[in-house]
Amino acid sequence: MIEMTWPGGEHSFALRIGELQALQDITGEGPGASLQRLYMSLQGNALMGGWKIADVVDTVRLGLIGGGMERVEAAKLVREVVERQNITSLINTACEVLLAALSEKDPDAGKPTGEPTPQTNGPSTE
């Protein structure tokens, strides 16, 4: 999860596996492809970039939801920002949200899950 200030204010954003899957279903491509399109548009002219509307709007909307905002509130806020400014003003935000999601280490990675397994007294395989 990241905290950041964007054209809609200061909010928490997170794209967990469910939000990433939803974004993939919406765009028809993996989140890495969305990130690449967004990043390439930041390197050149955002107006001429190969990004999709869903790369921007749905990444930010799903990021807000993953960060704890209610679905309806997130959709309303993103729509208001796009109407007040324009969609290209959210390209950097979407890029940062996706980059954080794809590069952030899972805080539970490596931790055991479920019930502990009983110790055996057999020979060691080390």
Protein backbone atom coordinates (compact mmCIF):
# COMPACT_ATOMS: atom_id res chain seq x y z
CA MET A 1 0.00 0.00 0.00
CA ILE A 2 1.16 3.50 -0.75
CA GLU A 3 0.00 6.87 0.48
CA MET A 4 0.18 9.65 -2.05
CA THR A 5 -1.16 13.01 -3.04
CA TRP A 6 -2.73 13.06 -6.50
CA PRO A 7 -5.20 15.39 -8.25
CA GLY A 8 -8.00 13.87 -6.11
CA GLY A 9 -6.32 14.59 -2.78
CA GLU A 10 -4.28 12.46 -0.39
CA HIS A 11 -5.27 8.79 -0.32
CA SER A 12 -4.09 5.24 0.20
CA PHE A 13 -3.72 3.05 -2.88
CA ALA A 14 -3.18 -0.68 -3.19
CA LEU A 15 -3.59 -3.17 -5.98
CA ARG A 16 -3.80 -6.57 -4.37
CA ILE A 17 -4.26 -9.76 -6.36
CA GLY A 18 -8.04 -9.24 -6.68
CA GLU A 19 -7.68 -5.69 -7.99
CA LEU A 20 -4.88 -6.74 -10.35
CA GLN A 21 -7.07 -9.57 -11.69
CA ALA A 22 -9.97 -7.14 -12.16
CA LEU A 23 -7.69 -4.73 -14.03
CA GLN A 24 -6.45 -7.57 -16.22
CA ASP A 25 -10.03 -8.61 -16.98
CA ILE A 26 -10.99 -5.02 -17.85
CA THR A 27 -7.97 -4.27 -20.07
CA GLY A 28 -7.63 -7.73 -21.58
CA GLU A 29 -3.91 -7.71 -20.76
CA GLY A 30 -1.68 -8.18 -17.76
CA PRO A 31 -0.82 -5.34 -15.39
CA GLY A 32 2.73 -5.27 -16.74
CA ALA A 33 1.41 -4.35 -20.18
CA SER A 34 -0.67 -1.54 -18.65
CA LEU A 35 2.36 -0.27 -16.76
CA GLN A 36 4.47 -0.35 -19.90
CA ARG A 37 1.92 1.68 -21.87
CA LEU A 38 1.60 4.23 -19.08
CA TYR A 39 5.33 4.51 -18.54
CA MET A 40 6.01 4.92 -22.27
CA SER A 41 3.46 7.72 -22.46
CA LEU A 42 5.23 9.52 -19.61
CA GLN A 43 8.50 9.26 -21.53
CA GLY A 44 7.01 10.81 -24.64
CA ASN A 45 3.83 12.70 -25.34
CA ALA A 46 0.97 11.49 -23.13
CA LEU A 47 -1.51 12.65 -25.75
CA MET A 48 0.04 10.33 -28.33
CA GLY A 49 0.81 7.39 -26.04
CA GLY A 50 -0.59 3.91 -26.53
CA TRP A 51 -2.38 3.86 -23.17
CA LYS A 52 -5.97 2.76 -22.79
CA ILE A 53 -8.58 4.65 -20.78
CA ALA A 54 -8.88 1.62 -18.50
CA ASP A 55 -5.11 1.73 -17.90
CA VAL A 56 -5.63 5.09 -16.26
CA VAL A 57 -9.16 5.27 -14.85
CA ASP A 58 -9.53 1.70 -13.66
CA THR A 59 -6.02 1.51 -12.22
CA VAL A 60 -6.68 4.56 -10.06
CA ARG A 61 -10.22 3.46 -9.16
CA LEU A 62 -9.15 -0.07 -8.22
CA GLY A 63 -6.14 1.31 -6.36
CA LEU A 64 -8.40 3.46 -4.21
CA ILE A 65 -10.64 0.47 -3.51
CA GLY A 66 -7.63 -1.64 -2.58
CA GLY A 67 -6.51 1.20 -0.33
CA GLY A 68 -9.78 1.01 1.60
CA MET A 69 -12.19 3.36 -0.16
CA GLU A 70 -15.74 2.20 -0.90
CA ARG A 71 -16.37 1.22 -4.54
CA VAL A 72 -19.00 3.88 -5.24
CA GLU A 73 -16.94 6.61 -3.60
CA ALA A 74 -13.82 5.61 -5.58
CA ALA A 75 -15.68 5.64 -8.89
CA LYS A 76 -17.25 9.01 -8.08
CA LEU A 77 -13.94 10.59 -7.07
CA VAL A 78 -12.10 9.41 -10.19
CA ARG A 79 -14.95 10.60 -12.41
CA GLU A 80 -14.91 14.04 -10.70
CA VAL A 81 -11.16 14.39 -11.17
CA VAL A 82 -11.36 13.45 -14.85
CA GLU A 83 -14.21 15.93 -15.40
CA ARG A 84 -12.44 18.70 -13.46
CA GLN A 85 -9.04 18.22 -15.08
CA ASN A 86 -8.56 15.60 -17.77
CA ILE A 87 -7.67 11.95 -18.03
CA THR A 88 -4.02 12.61 -18.83
CA SER A 89 -3.61 14.27 -15.43
CA LEU A 90 -4.02 10.80 -13.91
CA ILE A 91 -1.43 8.97 -16.02
CA ASN A 92 1.36 9.57 -13.52
CA THR A 93 -0.88 8.50 -10.62
CA ALA A 94 -1.87 5.28 -12.38
CA CYS A 95 1.76 4.56 -13.24
CA GLU A 96 2.86 5.03 -9.62
CA VAL A 97 0.02 2.85 -8.27
CA LEU A 98 0.83 0.02 -10.69
CA LEU A 99 4.56 0.28 -10.13
CA ALA A 100 4.08 0.08 -6.37
CA ALA A 101 1.80 -2.94 -6.70
CA LEU A 102 4.14 -4.84 -9.00
CA SER A 103 7.32 -4.07 -7.09
CA GLU A 104 6.12 -4.14 -3.48
CA LYS A 105 7.08 -7.19 -1.51
CA ASP A 106 4.19 -9.05 0.05
CA PRO A 107 4.55 -8.49 3.82
CA ASP A 108 3.40 -12.09 4.43
CA ALA A 109 5.81 -13.67 1.94
CA GLY A 110 7.89 -16.39 3.53
CA LYS A 111 5.71 -16.65 6.61
CA PRO A 112 4.31 -20.10 7.29
CA THR A 113 0.62 -20.59 6.71
CA GLY A 114 -1.80 -23.09 8.17
CA GLU A 115 -1.01 -25.54 10.92
CA PRO A 116 2.63 -26.30 11.75
CA THR A 117 3.79 -29.72 10.65
CA PRO A 118 4.96 -32.13 13.33
CA GLN A 119 8.69 -32.66 13.71
CA THR A 120 10.00 -36.07 12.68
CA ASN A 121 12.83 -37.94 14.32
CA GLY A 122 14.01 -39.49 11.07
CA PRO A 123 17.34 -38.91 9.40
CA SER A 124 18.16 -35.44 8.20
CA THR A 125 18.24 -34.80 4.46
CA GLU A 126 20.61 -31.86 4.77
